[in-house]
PDB file of N, CA and C in Angstrom:
ATOM      1  N   UNK A   1       0.720  -1.131   0.011  1.00  0.00           N
ATOM      2  CA  UNK A   1       0.024  -0.028   0.047  1.00  0.00           C
ATOM      3  C   UNK A   1       0.902   1.165   0.072  1.00  0.00           C
ATOM      4  N   UNK A   2       1.913   1.217   0.754  1.00  0.00           N
ATOM      5  CA  UNK A   2       2.851   2.331   0.702  1.00  0.00           C
ATOM      6  C   UNK A   2       3.462   2.606  -0.506  1.00  0.00           C
ATOM      7  N   UNK A   3       3.767   1.527  -1.342  1.00  0.00           N
ATOM      8  CA  UNK A   3       4.432   1.839  -2.615  1.00  0.00           C
ATOM      9  C   UNK A   3       3.356   2.579  -3.578  1.00  0.00           C
ATOM     10  N   UNK A   4       2.130   2.314  -3.461  1.00  0.00           N
ATOM     11  CA  UNK A   4       1.093   3.023  -4.360  1.00  0.00           C
ATOM     12  C   UNK A   4       0.997   4.372  -3.978  1.00  0.00           C
ATOM     13  N   UNK A   5       0.973   4.748  -2.647  1.00  0.00           N
ATOM     14  CA  UNK A   5       0.973   6.214  -2.152  1.00  0.00           C
ATOM     15  C   UNK A   5       2.247   6.843  -2.422  1.00  0.00           C
ATOM     16  N   UNK A   6       3.324   6.209  -2.435  1.00  0.00           N
ATOM     17  CA  UNK A   6       4.690   6.830  -2.644  1.00  0.00           C
ATOM     18  C   UNK A   6       4.881   7.231  -4.108  1.00  0.00           C
ATOM     19  N   UNK A   7       4.210   6.552  -5.041  1.00  0.00           N
ATOM     20  CA  UNK A   7       4.377   6.729  -6.420  1.00  0.00           C
ATOM     21  C   UNK A   7       3.613   8.071  -6.885  1.00  0.00           C
ATOM     22  N   UNK A   8       2.475   8.348  -6.170  1.00  0.00           N
ATOM     23  CA  UNK A   8       1.827   9.580  -6.670  1.00  0.00           C
ATOM     24  C   UNK A   8       2.416  10.795  -6.616  1.00  0.00           C
ATOM     25  N   UNK A   9       3.152  11.108  -5.448  1.00  0.00           N
ATOM     26  CA  UNK A   9       3.892  12.534  -5.648  1.00  0.00           C
ATOM     27  C   UNK A   9       4.923  12.560  -6.862  1.00  0.00           C
ATOM     28  N   UNK A  10       5.435  11.493  -7.260  1.00  0.00           N
ATOM     29  CA  UNK A  10       6.409  11.466  -8.219  1.00  0.00           C
ATOM     30  C   UNK A  10       5.739  11.917  -9.601  1.00  0.00           C
ATOM     31  N   UNK A  11       4.629  11.349  -9.853  1.00  0.00           N
ATOM     32  CA  UNK A  11       3.793  11.762 -11.081  1.00  0.00           C
ATOM     33  C   UNK A  11       3.519  13.244 -10.908  1.00  0.00           C
ATOM     34  N   UNK A  12       3.038  13.888  -9.765  1.00  0.00           N
ATOM     35  CA  UNK A  12       2.747  15.213  -9.653  1.00  0.00           C
ATOM     36  C   UNK A  12       4.056  15.964  -9.842  1.00  0.00           C
ATOM     37  N   UNK A  13       5.248  15.392  -9.410  1.00  0.00           N
ATOM     38  CA  UNK A  13       6.379  16.120  -9.525  1.00  0.00           C
ATOM     39  C   UNK A  13       6.827  16.276 -11.096  1.00  0.00           C
ATOM     40  N   UNK A  14       6.578  15.203 -11.707  1.00  0.00           N
ATOM     41  CA  UNK A  14       6.831  14.995 -13.042  1.00  0.00           C
ATOM     42  C   UNK A  14       6.068  15.902 -13.939  1.00  0.00           C
ATOM     43  N   UNK A  15       4.943  16.092 -13.499  1.00  0.00           N
ATOM     44  CA  UNK A  15       4.014  16.976 -14.292  1.00  0.00           C
ATOM     45  C   UNK A  15       4.316  18.386 -14.001  1.00  0.00           C
ATOM     46  N   UNK A  16       4.712  18.532 -12.743  1.00  0.00           N
ATOM     47  CA  UNK A  16       5.140  20.043 -12.365  1.00  0.00           C
ATOM     48  C   UNK A  16       6.388  20.455 -13.042  1.00  0.00           C
ATOM     49  N   UNK A  17       7.294  19.526 -13.172  1.00  0.00           N
ATOM     50  CA  UNK A  17       8.520  19.907 -13.921  1.00  0.00           C
ATOM     51  C   UNK A  17       8.338  19.997 -15.330  1.00  0.00           C
ATOM     52  N   UNK A  18       7.387  19.254 -15.867  1.00  0.00           N
ATOM     53  CA  UNK A  18       7.141  19.387 -17.236  1.00  0.00           C
ATOM     54  C   UNK A  18       6.400  20.794 -17.613  1.00  0.00           C
ATOM     55  N   UNK A  19       5.530  21.250 -16.717  1.00  0.00           N
ATOM     56  CA  UNK A  19       4.891  22.539 -16.819  1.00  0.00           C
ATOM     57  C   UNK A  19       5.811  23.651 -16.678  1.00  0.00           C
ATOM     58  N   UNK A  20       6.745  23.571 -15.597  1.00  0.00           N
ATOM     59  CA  UNK A  20       7.791  24.322 -15.454  1.00  0.00           C
ATOM     60  C   UNK A  20       8.757  24.739 -16.657  1.00  0.00           C
ATOM     61  N   UNK A  21       9.029  23.435 -17.287  1.00  0.00           N
ATOM     62  CA  UNK A  21       9.965  23.427 -18.585  1.00  0.00           C
ATOM     63  C   UNK A  21       9.129  23.991 -19.741  1.00  0.00           C
ATOM     64  N   UNK A  22       7.764  23.943 -19.773  1.00  0.00           N
ATOM     65  CA  UNK A  22       7.095  24.549 -20.782  1.00  0.00           C
ATOM     66  C   UNK A  22       6.973  26.021 -20.672  1.00  0.00           C
ATOM     67  N   UNK A  23       6.870  26.478 -19.373  1.00  0.00           N
ATOM     68  CA  UNK A  23       6.923  27.958 -19.032  1.00  0.00           C
ATOM     69  C   UNK A  23       8.216  28.587 -19.540  1.00  0.00           C
ATOM     70  N   UNK A  24       9.265  27.832 -19.170  1.00  0.00           N
ATOM     71  CA  UNK A  24      10.708  28.284 -19.444  1.00  0.00           C
ATOM     72  C   UNK A  24      10.852  28.330 -20.978  1.00  0.00           C
ATOM     73  N   UNK A  25      10.408  27.328 -21.782  1.00  0.00           N
ATOM     74  CA  UNK A  25      10.452  27.251 -23.271  1.00  0.00           C
ATOM     75  C   UNK A  25       9.637  28.413 -23.804  1.00  0.00           C
ATOM     76  N   UNK A  26       8.467  28.521 -23.311  1.00  0.00           N
ATOM     77  CA  UNK A  26       7.599  29.616 -23.977  1.00  0.00           C
ATOM     78  C   UNK A  26       8.065  30.985 -23.566  1.00  0.00           C
ATOM     79  N   UNK A  27       8.706  31.301 -22.412  1.00  0.00           N
ATOM     80  CA  UNK A  27       9.244  32.502 -22.279  1.00  0.00           C
ATOM     81  C   UNK A  27      10.523  32.759 -23.154  1.00  0.00           C
ATOM     82  N   UNK A  28      11.253  31.682 -23.232  1.00  0.00           N
ATOM     83  CA  UNK A  28      12.494  31.787 -24.170  1.00  0.00           C
ATOM     84  C   UNK A  28      12.090  32.011 -25.600  1.00  0.00           C
ATOM     85  N   UNK A  29      10.983  31.268 -25.935  1.00  0.00           N
ATOM     86  CA  UNK A  29      10.521  31.658 -27.356  1.00  0.00           C
ATOM     87  C   UNK A  29      10.083  32.949 -27.534  1.00  0.00           C
ATOM     88  N   UNK A  30       9.355  33.598 -26.574  1.00  0.00           N
ATOM     89  CA  UNK A  30       8.893  34.928 -26.797  1.00  0.00           C
ATOM     90  C   UNK A  30      10.110  36.103 -26.714  1.00  0.00           C
ATOM     91  N   UNK A  31      10.898  35.761 -25.814  1.00  0.00           N
ATOM     92  CA  UNK A  31      12.206  36.503 -25.782  1.00  0.00           C
ATOM     93  C   UNK A  31      12.927  36.497 -27.033  1.00  0.00           C
ATOM     94  N   UNK A  32      13.136  35.191 -27.551  1.00  0.00           N
ATOM     95  CA  UNK A  32      13.921  34.949 -28.715  1.00  0.00           C
ATOM     96  C   UNK A  32      13.089  35.714 -29.951  1.00  0.00           C
ATOM     97  N   UNK A  33      11.870  35.767 -30.033  1.00  0.00           N
ATOM     98  CA  UNK A  33      11.213  36.480 -31.109  1.00  0.00           C
ATOM     99  C   UNK A  33      11.477  37.928 -31.033  1.00  0.00           C
ATOM    100  N   UNK A  34      11.347  38.457 -29.813  1.00  0.00           N
ATOM    101  CA  UNK A  34      11.529  39.976 -29.642  1.00  0.00           C
ATOM    102  C   UNK A  34      13.054  40.321 -30.056  1.00  0.00           C
ATOM    103  N   UNK A  35      14.064  39.612 -29.509  1.00  0.00           N
ATOM    104  CA  UNK A  35      15.411  39.872 -29.906  1.00  0.00           C
ATOM    105  C   UNK A  35      15.664  39.551 -31.337  1.00  0.00           C
ATOM    106  N   UNK A  36      14.944  38.616 -31.838  1.00  0.00           N
ATOM    107  CA  UNK A  36      14.971  38.429 -33.439  1.00  0.00           C
ATOM    108  C   UNK A  36      14.593  39.513 -34.069  1.00  0.00           C
ATOM    109  N   UNK A  37      13.337  40.066 -33.642  1.00  0.00           N
ATOM    110  CA  UNK A  37      12.789  41.275 -34.338  1.00  0.00           C
ATOM    111  C   UNK A  37      13.725  42.485 -34.355  1.00  0.00           C
ATOM    112  N   UNK A  38      14.242  42.635 -33.232  1.00  0.00           N
ATOM    113  CA  UNK A  38      15.072  43.861 -33.060  1.00  0.00           C
ATOM    114  C   UNK A  38      16.368  43.559 -33.890  1.00  0.00           C
ATOM    115  N   UNK A  39      16.943  42.450 -33.938  1.00  0.00           N
ATOM    116  CA  UNK A  39      18.092  42.227 -34.689  1.00  0.00           C
ATOM    117  C   UNK A  39      17.751  42.366 -36.316  1.00  0.00           C
ATOM    118  N   UNK A  40      16.548  41.881 -36.604  1.00  0.00           N
ATOM    119  CA  UNK A  40      16.280  42.005 -38.040  1.00  0.00           C
ATOM    120  C   UNK A  40      16.110  43.555 -38.515  1.00  0.00           C
ATOM    121  N   UNK A  41      15.554  44.339 -37.615  1.00  0.00           N
ATOM    122  CA  UNK A  41      15.292  45.742 -37.980  1.00  0.00           C
ATOM    123  C   UNK A  41      16.651  46.366 -37.832  1.00  0.00           C
ATOM    124  N   UNK A  42      17.569  46.068 -36.902  1.00  0.00           N
ATOM    125  CA  UNK A  42      18.966  46.818 -36.860  1.00  0.00           C
ATOM    126  C   UNK A  42      19.785  46.216 -37.887  1.00  0.00           C
ATOM    127  N   UNK A  43      20.120  45.123 -38.021  1.00  0.00           N
ATOM    128  CA  UNK A  43      21.130  44.481 -38.807  1.00  0.00           C
ATOM    129  C   UNK A  43      20.470  43.999 -40.170  1.00  0.00           C
ATOM    130  N   UNK A  44      19.424  43.282 -40.179  1.00  0.00           N
ATOM    131  CA  UNK A  44      18.921  42.871 -41.360  1.00  0.00           C
ATOM    132  C   UNK A  44      19.166  41.517 -41.835  1.00  0.00           C
ATOM    133  N   UNK A  45      19.414  40.529 -40.765  1.00  0.00           N
ATOM    134  CA  UNK A  45      19.882  39.333 -41.111  1.00  0.00           C
ATOM    135  C   UNK A  45      18.626  38.427 -41.739  1.00  0.00           C
ATOM    136  N   UNK A  46      19.112  37.342 -42.381  1.00  0.00           N
ATOM    137  CA  UNK A  46      18.067  36.540 -43.078  1.00  0.00           C
ATOM    138  C   UNK A  46      17.292  35.504 -42.203  1.00  0.00           C
ATOM    139  N   UNK A  47      16.605  34.600 -42.814  1.00  0.00           N
ATOM    140  CA  UNK A  47      15.800  33.556 -42.154  1.00  0.00           C
ATOM    141  C   UNK A  47      16.419  32.518 -41.319  1.00  0.00           C
ATOM    142  N   UNK A  48      17.677  32.126 -41.910  1.00  0.00           N
ATOM    143  CA  UNK A  48      18.512  31.216 -41.180  1.00  0.00           C
ATOM    144  C   UNK A  48      18.982  31.713 -39.740  1.00  0.00           C
ATOM    145  N   UNK A  49      19.377  32.888 -40.031  1.00  0.00           N
ATOM    146  CA  UNK A  49      20.057  33.588 -38.772  1.00  0.00           C
ATOM    147  C   UNK A  49      18.953  33.836 -37.712  1.00  0.00           C
ATOM    148  N   UNK A  50      17.667  34.147 -38.305  1.00  0.00           N
ATOM    149  CA  UNK A  50      16.607  34.502 -37.280  1.00  0.00           C
ATOM    150  C   UNK A  50      16.308  33.155 -36.561  1.00  0.00           C
ATOM    151  N   UNK A  51      16.180  32.202 -37.172  1.00  0.00           N
ATOM    152  CA  UNK A  51      15.883  30.815 -36.391  1.00  0.00           C
ATOM    153  C   UNK A  51      17.007  30.479 -35.532  1.00  0.00           C
ATOM    154  N   UNK A  52      18.154  30.729 -35.955  1.00  0.00           N
ATOM    155  CA  UNK A  52      19.345  30.506 -35.053  1.00  0.00           C
ATOM    156  C   UNK A  52      19.396  31.418 -33.820  1.00  0.00           C
ATOM    157  N   UNK A  53      19.141  32.617 -33.840  1.00  0.00           N
ATOM    158  CA  UNK A  53      18.968  33.547 -32.783  1.00  0.00           C
ATOM    159  C   UNK A  53      17.854  33.073 -31.872  1.00  0.00           C
ATOM    160  N   UNK A  54      16.703  32.807 -32.426  1.00  0.00           N
ATOM    161  CA  UNK A  54      15.619  32.226 -31.523  1.00  0.00           C
ATOM    162  C   UNK A  54      15.955  31.051 -30.789  1.00  0.00           C
ATOM    163  N   UNK A  55      16.451  30.117 -31.353  1.00  0.00           N
ATOM    164  CA  UNK A  55      16.828  28.949 -30.725  1.00  0.00           C
ATOM    165  C   UNK A  55      17.933  28.945 -29.541  1.00  0.00           C
ATOM    166  N   UNK A  56      18.852  29.835 -30.018  1.00  0.00           N
ATOM    167  CA  UNK A  56      19.867  30.136 -28.950  1.00  0.00           C
ATOM    168  C   UNK A  56      19.274  30.713 -27.765  1.00  0.00           C
ATOM    169  N   UNK A  57      18.391  31.723 -28.018  1.00  0.00           N
ATOM    170  CA  UNK A  57      17.805  32.540 -26.833  1.00  0.00           C
ATOM    171  C   UNK A  57      16.862  31.353 -26.123  1.00  0.00           C
ATOM    172  N   UNK A  58      16.089  30.620 -26.746  1.00  0.00           N
ATOM    173  CA  UNK A  58      15.456  29.609 -26.032  1.00  0.00           C
ATOM    174  C   UNK A  58      16.320  28.751 -25.188  1.00  0.00           C
ATOM    175  N   UNK A  59      17.535  28.238 -25.587  1.00  0.00           N
ATOM    176  CA  UNK A  59      18.417  27.395 -25.027  1.00  0.00           C
ATOM    177  C   UNK A  59      19.039  28.115 -23.927  1.00  0.00           C
ATOM    178  N   UNK A  60      19.339  29.411 -24.021  1.00  0.00           N
ATOM    179  CA  UNK A  60      19.880  30.086 -22.935  1.00  0.00           C
ATOM    180  C   UNK A  60      18.972  30.237 -21.690  1.00  0.00           C
ATOM    181  N   UNK A  61      17.705  30.685 -22.113  1.00  0.00           N
ATOM    182  CA  UNK A  61      16.755  30.873 -21.139  1.00  0.00           C
ATOM    183  C   UNK A  61      16.501  29.655 -20.246  1.00  0.00           C
ATOM    184  N   UNK A  62      16.361  28.518 -20.999  1.00  0.00           N
ATOM    185  CA  UNK A  62      16.117  27.310 -20.207  1.00  0.00           C
ATOM    186  C   UNK A  62      17.423  26.885 -19.512  1.00  0.00           C
ATOM    187  N   UNK A  63      18.390  27.019 -19.881  1.00  0.00           N
ATOM    188  CA  UNK A  63      19.723  26.684 -19.241  1.00  0.00           C
ATOM    189  C   UNK A  63      20.034  27.628 -17.972  1.00  0.00           C
ATOM    190  N   UNK A  64      19.746  28.918 -18.141  1.00  0.00           N
ATOM    191  CA  UNK A  64      19.813  29.829 -17.093  1.00  0.00           C
ATOM    192  C   UNK A  64      18.865  29.624 -15.828  1.00  0.00           C
ATOM    193  N   UNK A  65      17.756  29.209 -16.366  1.00  0.00           N
ATOM    194  CA  UNK A  65      16.580  29.146 -15.349  1.00  0.00           C
ATOM    195  C   UNK A  65      16.462  27.685 -15.031  1.00  0.00           C
ATOM    196  N   UNK A  66      17.418  26.883 -15.107  1.00  0.00           N
ATOM    197  CA  UNK A  66      17.252  25.463 -14.903  1.00  0.00           C
ATOM    198  C   UNK A  66      16.839  25.089 -13.518  1.00  0.00           C
ATOM    199  N   UNK A  67      17.554  25.730 -12.589  1.00  0.00           N
ATOM    200  CA  UNK A  67      17.272  25.243 -11.114  1.00  0.00           C
ATOM    201  C   UNK A  67      16.404  26.336 -10.427  1.00  0.00           C
ATOM    202  N   UNK A  68      15.641  27.272 -11.162  1.00  0.00           N
ATOM    203  CA  UNK A  68      14.845  28.210 -10.589  1.00  0.00           C
ATOM    204  C   UNK A  68      13.499  27.601 -10.199  1.00  0.00           C
ATOM    205  N   UNK A  69      12.794  28.077  -9.375  1.00  0.00           N
ATOM    206  CA  UNK A  69      11.338  27.640  -8.986  1.00  0.00           C
ATOM    207  C   UNK A  69      10.470  28.390  -9.929  1.00  0.00           C
ATOM    208  N   UNK A  70       9.200  27.975  -9.977  1.00  0.00           N
ATOM    209  CA  UNK A  70       8.381  28.686 -10.803  1.00  0.00           C
ATOM    210  C   UNK A  70       8.056  30.207 -10.518  1.00  0.00           C
ATOM    211  N   UNK A  71       8.051  30.564  -9.111  1.00  0.00           N
ATOM    212  CA  UNK A  71       7.977  32.132  -8.807  1.00  0.00           C
ATOM    213  C   UNK A  71       9.142  32.864  -9.334  1.00  0.00           C
ATOM    214  N   UNK A  72      10.354  32.313  -9.168  1.00  0.00           N
ATOM    215  CA  UNK A  72      11.535  33.064  -9.811  1.00  0.00           C
ATOM    216  C   UNK A  72      11.326  33.261 -11.252  1.00  0.00           C
ATOM    217  N   UNK A  73      10.743  32.273 -11.923  1.00  0.00           N
ATOM    218  CA  UNK A  73      10.800  32.297 -13.376  1.00  0.00           C
ATOM    219  C   UNK A  73       9.560  33.408 -13.770  1.00  0.00           C
ATOM    220  N   UNK A  74       8.565  33.388 -13.000  1.00  0.00           N
ATOM    221  CA  UNK A  74       7.425  34.220 -13.191  1.00  0.00           C
ATOM    222  C   UNK A  74       7.871  35.740 -12.853  1.00  0.00           C
ATOM    223  N   UNK A  75       8.686  35.940 -11.817  1.00  0.00           N
ATOM    224  CA  UNK A  75       9.300  37.364 -11.381  1.00  0.00           C
ATOM    225  C   UNK A  75      10.131  37.677 -12.667  1.00  0.00           C
ATOM    226  N   UNK A  76      10.912  36.887 -13.177  1.00  0.00           N
ATOM    227  CA  UNK A  76      11.695  37.202 -14.372  1.00  0.00           C
ATOM    228  C   UNK A  76      10.904  37.610 -15.681  1.00  0.00           C
ATOM    229  N   UNK A  77       9.790  36.938 -15.848  1.00  0.00           N
ATOM    230  CA  UNK A  77       8.909  37.277 -16.898  1.00  0.00           C
ATOM    231  C   UNK A  77       8.176  38.635 -16.629  1.00  0.00           C
ATOM    232  N   UNK A  78       7.736  38.789 -15.370  1.00  0.00           N
ATOM    233  CA  UNK A  78       7.313  40.147 -15.062  1.00  0.00           C
ATOM    234  C   UNK A  78       8.294  41.241 -15.243  1.00  0.00           C
ATOM    235  N   UNK A  79       9.401  41.091 -14.754  1.00  0.00           N
ATOM    236  CA  UNK A  79      10.505  42.091 -14.897  1.00  0.00           C
ATOM    237  C   UNK A  79      10.842  42.353 -16.272  1.00  0.00           C
ATOM    238  N   UNK A  80      10.859  41.357 -17.150  1.00  0.00           N
ATOM    239  CA  UNK A  80      11.147  41.495 -18.652  1.00  0.00           C
ATOM    240  C   UNK A  80      10.027  42.288 -19.231  1.00  0.00           C
ATOM    241  N   UNK A  81       8.762  41.814 -19.056  1.00  0.00           N
ATOM    242  CA  UNK A  81       7.633  42.594 -19.581  1.00  0.00           C
ATOM    243  C   UNK A  81       7.627  43.959 -19.302  1.00  0.00           C
ATOM    244  N   UNK A  82       7.920  44.329 -17.823  1.00  0.00           N
ATOM    245  CA  UNK A  82       8.015  45.796 -17.466  1.00  0.00           C
ATOM    246  C   UNK A  82       9.067  46.562 -18.228  1.00  0.00           C
ATOM    247  N   UNK A  83      10.155  45.891 -18.399  1.00  0.00           N
ATOM    248  CA  UNK A  83      11.361  46.470 -19.138  1.00  0.00           C
ATOM    249  C   UNK A  83      10.996  46.633 -20.464  1.00  0.00           C
ATOM    250  N   UNK A  84      10.220  45.696 -21.228  1.00  0.00           N
ATOM    251  CA  UNK A  84       9.913  46.135 -22.558  1.00  0.00           C
ATOM    252  C   UNK A  84       8.852  47.158 -22.717  1.00  0.00           C
ATOM    253  N   UNK A  85       7.851  47.104 -21.768  1.00  0.00           N
ATOM    254  CA  UNK A  85       6.960  48.284 -21.780  1.00  0.00           C
ATOM    255  C   UNK A  85       7.713  49.592 -21.600  1.00  0.00           C
ATOM    256  N   UNK A  86       8.568  49.741 -20.748  1.00  0.00           N
ATOM    257  CA  UNK A  86       9.342  50.860 -20.485  1.00  0.00           C
ATOM    258  C   UNK A  86      10.188  51.366 -21.843  1.00  0.00           C
ATOM    259  N   UNK A  87      10.755  50.374 -22.521  1.00  0.00           N
ATOM    260  CA  UNK A  87      11.424  50.662 -23.793  1.00  0.00           C
ATOM    261  C   UNK A  87      10.415  51.063 -24.730  1.00  0.00           C
ATOM    262  N   UNK A  88       9.237  50.356 -24.765  1.00  0.00           N
ATOM    263  CA  UNK A  88       8.179  50.868 -25.889  1.00  0.00           C
ATOM    264  C   UNK A  88       7.685  52.249 -25.570  1.00  0.00           C
ATOM    265  N   UNK A  89       7.500  52.727 -24.244  1.00  0.00           N
ATOM    266  CA  UNK A  89       7.071  54.043 -23.985  1.00  0.00           C
ATOM    267  C   UNK A  89       8.215  54.972 -24.383  1.00  0.00           C
ATOM    268  N   UNK A  90       9.498  54.678 -24.079  1.00  0.00           N
ATOM    269  CA  UNK A  90      10.630  55.515 -24.473  1.00  0.00           C
ATOM    270  C   UNK A  90      10.750  55.709 -25.941  1.00  0.00           C
ATOM    271  N   UNK A  91      10.559  54.586 -26.688  1.00  0.00           N
ATOM    272  CA  UNK A  91      10.518  54.771 -28.290  1.00  0.00           C
ATOM    273  C   UNK A  91       9.385  55.671 -28.761  1.00  0.00           C
ATOM    274  N   UNK A  92       8.238  55.503 -28.198  1.00  0.00           N
ATOM    275  CA  UNK A  92       7.011  56.115 -28.700  1.00  0.00           C
ATOM    276  C   UNK A  92       7.148  57.559 -28.241  1.00  0.00           C
ATOM    277  N   UNK A  93       7.721  58.031 -27.195  1.00  0.00           N
ATOM    278  CA  UNK A  93       7.911  59.456 -26.814  1.00  0.00           C
ATOM    279  C   UNK A  93       9.197  60.115 -27.488  1.00  0.00           C
ATOM    280  N   UNK A  94      10.127  59.299 -27.643  1.00  0.00           N
ATOM    281  CA  UNK A  94      11.436  59.931 -28.188  1.00  0.00           C
ATOM    282  C   UNK A  94      11.258  60.783 -29.416  1.00  0.00           C
ATOM    283  N   UNK A  95      11.873  61.891 -29.589  1.00  0.00           N
ATOM    284  CA  UNK A  95      11.792  62.728 -30.796  1.00  0.00           C
ATOM    285  C   UNK A  95      12.494  61.889 -31.972  1.00  0.00           C
ATOM    286  N   UNK A  96      12.011  62.182 -33.173  1.00  0.00           N
ATOM    287  CA  UNK A  96      12.654  61.675 -34.446  1.00  0.00           C
ATOM    288  C   UNK A  96      11.508  61.524 -35.551  1.00  0.00           C
ATOM    289  N   UNK A  97      11.799  60.550 -36.250  1.00  0.00           N
ATOM    290  CA  UNK A  97      10.812  60.504 -37.349  1.00  0.00           C
ATOM    291  C   UNK A  97       9.440  60.019 -36.986  1.00  0.00           C
TER     292      UNK A  97
END
């Protein structure tokens, strides 16, 4: 009986780890697409480089946040979102064309 009860938390743990990995990958993908868009506008590189930059960004985000808890990853997502909103406001207010 103890073996049956003992295996249940491992499944929860595996599902939790899978969800956390999905959140990390999704955040890395969004961050990679943003960095890719900036790079295309500034440098103007091609499609293969765009895919490479996006995949490298996803890999780095997953690698850097490997030992973080979900709350730490969510705080990073919130901080990054607020930073992008600040940059967006600066670009829209800045004088120029």
